[in-house]
C-alpha atoms as a PDB file:
ATOM      1  CA  MET A   1       8.821 -17.871  24.939  1.00  0.00           C
ATOM      2  CA  GLN A   2       6.079 -15.753  25.144  1.00  0.00           C
ATOM      3  CA  LYS A   3       8.231 -12.692  23.224  1.00  0.00           C
ATOM      4  CA  MET A   4       8.687 -15.203  20.348  1.00  0.00           C
ATOM      5  CA  GLU A   5       5.107 -15.961  19.746  1.00  0.00           C
ATOM      6  CA  LYS A   6       4.373 -12.265  19.940  1.00  0.00           C
ATOM      7  CA  GLU A   7       6.923 -11.638  17.221  1.00  0.00           C
ATOM      8  CA  ARG A   8       5.481 -14.462  15.179  1.00  0.00           C
ATOM      9  CA  THR A   9       1.915 -13.361  15.638  1.00  0.00           C
ATOM     10  CA  LEU A  10       3.061  -9.947  14.465  1.00  0.00           C
ATOM     11  CA  VAL A  11       4.700 -10.889  11.327  1.00  0.00           C
ATOM     12  CA  MET A  12       1.754 -13.117  10.602  1.00  0.00           C
ATOM     13  CA  ASP A  13      -0.449  -9.982  10.667  1.00  0.00           C
ATOM     14  CA  PHE A  14       1.848  -8.127   8.688  1.00  0.00           C
ATOM     15  CA  ILE A  15       1.716 -10.633   6.073  1.00  0.00           C
ATOM     16  CA  LYS A  16      -2.196 -10.919   6.352  1.00  0.00           C
ATOM     17  CA  ILE A  17      -2.531  -7.034   6.301  1.00  0.00           C
ATOM     18  CA  LEU A  18      -0.375  -6.905   3.196  1.00  0.00           C
ATOM     19  CA  PHE A  19      -2.452  -9.673   1.492  1.00  0.00           C
ATOM     20  CA  VAL A  20      -5.784  -7.595   2.034  1.00  0.00           C
ATOM     21  CA  MET A  21      -4.079  -4.448   0.871  1.00  0.00           C
ATOM     22  CA  TYR A  22      -2.827  -5.949  -2.519  1.00  0.00           C
ATOM     23  CA  PHE A  23      -6.596  -7.423  -2.760  1.00  0.00           C
ATOM     24  CA  VAL A  24      -7.843  -4.071  -2.339  1.00  0.00           C
ATOM     25  CA  THR A  25      -5.512  -2.775  -4.633  1.00  0.00           C
ATOM     26  CA  PHE A  26      -6.188  -5.726  -6.920  1.00  0.00           C
ATOM     27  CA  ILE A  27     -10.288  -4.950  -6.847  1.00  0.00           C
ATOM     28  CA  LEU A  28      -9.644  -1.268  -7.351  1.00  0.00           C
ATOM     29  CA  LEU A  29      -7.553  -1.879 -10.307  1.00  0.00           C
ATOM     30  CA  LEU A  30     -10.047  -4.080 -11.909  1.00  0.00           C
ATOM     31  CA  LEU A  31     -12.456  -1.383 -11.262  1.00  0.00           C
ATOM     32  CA  LEU A  32     -10.466   1.164 -13.113  1.00  0.00           C
ATOM     33  CA  ALA A  33     -10.015  -1.083 -16.080  1.00  0.00           C
ATOM     34  CA  TRP A  34     -13.739  -1.501 -16.114  1.00  0.00           C
ATOM     35  CA  VAL A  35     -14.193   2.335 -16.355  1.00  0.00           C
ATOM     36  CA  LEU A  36     -11.355   2.793 -19.153  1.00  0.00           C
ATOM     37  CA  TYR A  37     -13.124   0.035 -20.985  1.00  0.00           C
ATOM     38  CA  LYS A  38     -16.863   1.710 -20.899  1.00  0.00           C
ATOM     39  CA  ALA A  39     -15.943   5.526 -20.639  1.00  0.00           C
ATOM     40  CA  GLU A  40     -12.660   6.230 -22.141  1.00  0.00           C
ATOM     41  CA  PRO A  41     -12.059   8.805 -19.876  1.00  0.00           C
ATOM     42  CA  GLY A  42      -8.725  10.021 -20.648  1.00  0.00           C
ATOM     43  CA  GLU A  43      -5.092   9.849 -19.125  1.00  0.00           C
ATOM     44  CA  MET A  44      -5.488  12.248 -16.063  1.00  0.00           C
ATOM     45  CA  VAL A  45      -8.599  10.093 -14.642  1.00  0.00           C
ATOM     46  CA  SER A  46      -6.149   7.012 -14.636  1.00  0.00           C
ATOM     47  CA  LYS A  47      -3.496   9.063 -12.655  1.00  0.00           C
ATOM     48  CA  VAL A  48      -5.816  10.493 -10.161  1.00  0.00           C
ATOM     49  CA  TRP A  49      -7.227   6.777  -9.784  1.00  0.00           C
ATOM     50  CA  LEU A  50      -3.829   5.123  -9.263  1.00  0.00           C
ATOM     51  CA  ILE A  51      -3.051   7.846  -6.848  1.00  0.00           C
ATOM     52  CA  ALA A  52      -6.326   7.030  -5.145  1.00  0.00           C
ATOM     53  CA  VAL A  53      -5.520   3.239  -5.075  1.00  0.00           C
ATOM     54  CA  TYR A  54      -2.119   3.854  -3.084  1.00  0.00           C
ATOM     55  CA  ILE A  55      -3.703   6.246  -0.598  1.00  0.00           C
ATOM     56  CA  ILE A  56      -6.933   3.893  -0.054  1.00  0.00           C
ATOM     57  CA  SER A  57      -4.499   0.780   0.025  1.00  0.00           C
ATOM     58  CA  GLY A  58      -2.140   2.475   2.576  1.00  0.00           C
ATOM     59  CA  PHE A  59      -4.624   3.961   4.823  1.00  0.00           C
ATOM     60  CA  LEU A  60      -6.285   0.566   5.059  1.00  0.00           C
ATOM     61  CA  GLY A  61      -3.270  -0.934   5.793  1.00  0.00           C
ATOM     62  CA  GLY A  62      -1.760   1.172   8.397  1.00  0.00           C
ATOM     63  CA  PHE A  63      -5.572   1.035   9.995  1.00  0.00           C
ATOM     64  CA  LEU A  64      -5.422  -2.756  10.250  1.00  0.00           C
ATOM     65  CA  ILE A  65      -1.969  -2.799  11.749  1.00  0.00           C
ATOM     66  CA  GLY A  66      -2.931   0.042  14.146  1.00  0.00           C
ATOM     67  CA  LYS A  67      -5.781  -1.688  15.411  1.00  0.00           C
ATOM     68  CA  ARG A  68      -3.694  -4.931  16.000  1.00  0.00           C
ATOM     69  CA  THR A  69      -0.585  -3.590  17.478  1.00  0.00           C
ATOM     70  CA  LYS A  70      -2.640  -0.818  19.780  1.00  0.00           C
ATOM     71  CA  SER A  71       0.714   1.270  20.515  1.00  0.00           C
ATOM     72  CA  LYS A  72       3.318   2.995  18.455  1.00  0.00           C
ATOM     73  CA  LYS A  73       0.460   2.946  15.819  1.00  0.00           C
ATOM     74  CA  PHE A  74       1.809   5.546  13.337  1.00  0.00           C
ATOM     75  CA  LEU A  75       5.331   3.975  13.255  1.00  0.00           C
ATOM     76  CA  TRP A  76       3.723   0.405  12.485  1.00  0.00           C
ATOM     77  CA  GLY A  77       1.337   2.371   9.777  1.00  0.00           C
ATOM     78  CA  CYS A  78       4.384   3.977   8.154  1.00  0.00           C
ATOM     79  CA  LEU A  79       6.204   0.371   8.368  1.00  0.00           C
ATOM     80  CA  ILE A  80       3.352  -1.073   6.477  1.00  0.00           C
ATOM     81  CA  GLY A  81       3.025   1.675   3.932  1.00  0.00           C
ATOM     82  CA  ALA A  82       6.696   1.189   3.212  1.00  0.00           C
ATOM     83  CA  LEU A  83       6.584  -2.528   3.075  1.00  0.00           C
ATOM     84  CA  TYR A  84       3.608  -2.017   0.490  1.00  0.00           C
ATOM     85  CA  PHE A  85       5.941   0.213  -1.800  1.00  0.00           C
ATOM     86  CA  ALA A  86       9.034  -1.897  -1.266  1.00  0.00           C
ATOM     87  CA  ILE A  87       6.767  -5.002  -2.801  1.00  0.00           C
ATOM     88  CA  LEU A  88       5.311  -2.900  -5.692  1.00  0.00           C
ATOM     89  CA  PHE A  89       8.721  -1.329  -6.117  1.00  0.00           C
ATOM     90  CA  ALA A  90      10.298  -4.970  -6.224  1.00  0.00           C
ATOM     91  CA  VAL A  91       7.734  -6.185  -8.851  1.00  0.00           C
ATOM     92  CA  SER A  92       8.371  -3.102 -10.871  1.00  0.00           C
ATOM     93  CA  VAL A  93      11.959  -3.584 -11.141  1.00  0.00           C
ATOM     94  CA  LEU A  94      11.517  -7.334 -12.103  1.00  0.00           C
ATOM     95  CA  LEU A  95       8.725  -6.571 -14.535  1.00  0.00           C
ATOM     96  CA  TYR A  96      10.401  -4.142 -16.456  1.00  0.00           C
ATOM     97  CA  LYS A  97      14.029  -5.708 -15.674  1.00  0.00           C
ATOM     98  CA  GLY A  98      15.299  -2.665 -14.315  1.00  0.00           C
ATOM     99  CA  LEU A  99      14.503   1.043 -12.842  1.00  0.00           C
ATOM    100  CA  SER A 100      12.296   3.473 -14.603  1.00  0.00           C
ATOM    101  CA  GLU A 101      13.645   6.919 -15.309  1.00  0.00           C
ATOM    102  CA  ASP A 102      10.702   8.707 -14.206  1.00  0.00           C
ATOM    103  CA  TRP A 103      12.439   9.276 -10.272  1.00  0.00           C
ATOM    104  CA  ILE A 104       9.537  11.752  -9.566  1.00  0.00           C
ATOM    105  CA  HIS A 105       6.767   9.596  -9.771  1.00  0.00           C
ATOM    106  CA  LEU A 106       8.823   6.776  -8.011  1.00  0.00           C
ATOM    107  CA  ILE A 107       9.400   9.326  -4.955  1.00  0.00           C
ATOM    108  CA  THR A 108       5.901  10.387  -4.997  1.00  0.00           C
ATOM    109  CA  THR A 109       4.654   7.001  -4.811  1.00  0.00           C
ATOM    110  CA  CYS A 110       6.653   5.930  -2.068  1.00  0.00           C
ATOM    111  CA  ILE A 111       5.652   9.276  -0.059  1.00  0.00           C
ATOM    112  CA  LEU A 112       2.161   8.427  -0.823  1.00  0.00           C
ATOM    113  CA  CYS A 113       2.275   4.994   0.559  1.00  0.00           C
ATOM    114  CA  VAL A 114       4.360   5.498   3.830  1.00  0.00           C
ATOM    115  CA  VAL A 115       2.454   8.595   4.408  1.00  0.00           C
ATOM    116  CA  SER A 116      -1.245   7.221   3.920  1.00  0.00           C
ATOM    117  CA  GLY A 117       0.284   3.935   6.047  1.00  0.00           C
ATOM    118  CA  THR A 118       1.008   6.415   8.748  1.00  0.00           C
ATOM    119  CA  ALA A 119      -2.189   8.402   8.625  1.00  0.00           C
ATOM    120  CA  GLY A 120      -4.242   5.039   8.958  1.00  0.00           C
ATOM    121  CA  GLY A 121      -2.303   3.868  11.779  1.00  0.00           C
ATOM    122  CA  MET A 122      -2.826   7.606  13.779  1.00  0.00           C
ATOM    123  CA  ILE A 123      -6.628   7.322  13.016  1.00  0.00           C
ATOM    124  CA  SER A 124      -6.943   3.951  14.174  1.00  0.00           C
END
């Protein structure tokens, strides 16, 4: 009984932290849209900003799940980063009705999300 309650709490923690990660992503992307509207900085700034969004959100998720679990933090951080990417990937596939042909971008994004989640978990 105790084990089931602990697992249920962990699942709820994951859901809450994923929500926080996507909320931070939303805020940062709104800020990017505002910057693009006001300054028209160029494509390179947009790409760097998106990479920063993946890293910040992944790191935050890893840090928060590491604080909650208190053991094997890097593994939990890695898992939350992978879940973050998996949801991004699934939504992207649904919206674009298929896979993109830019595999390098896809793999890079996956690595950024997983590594930043792992780093956040390790530092927590």
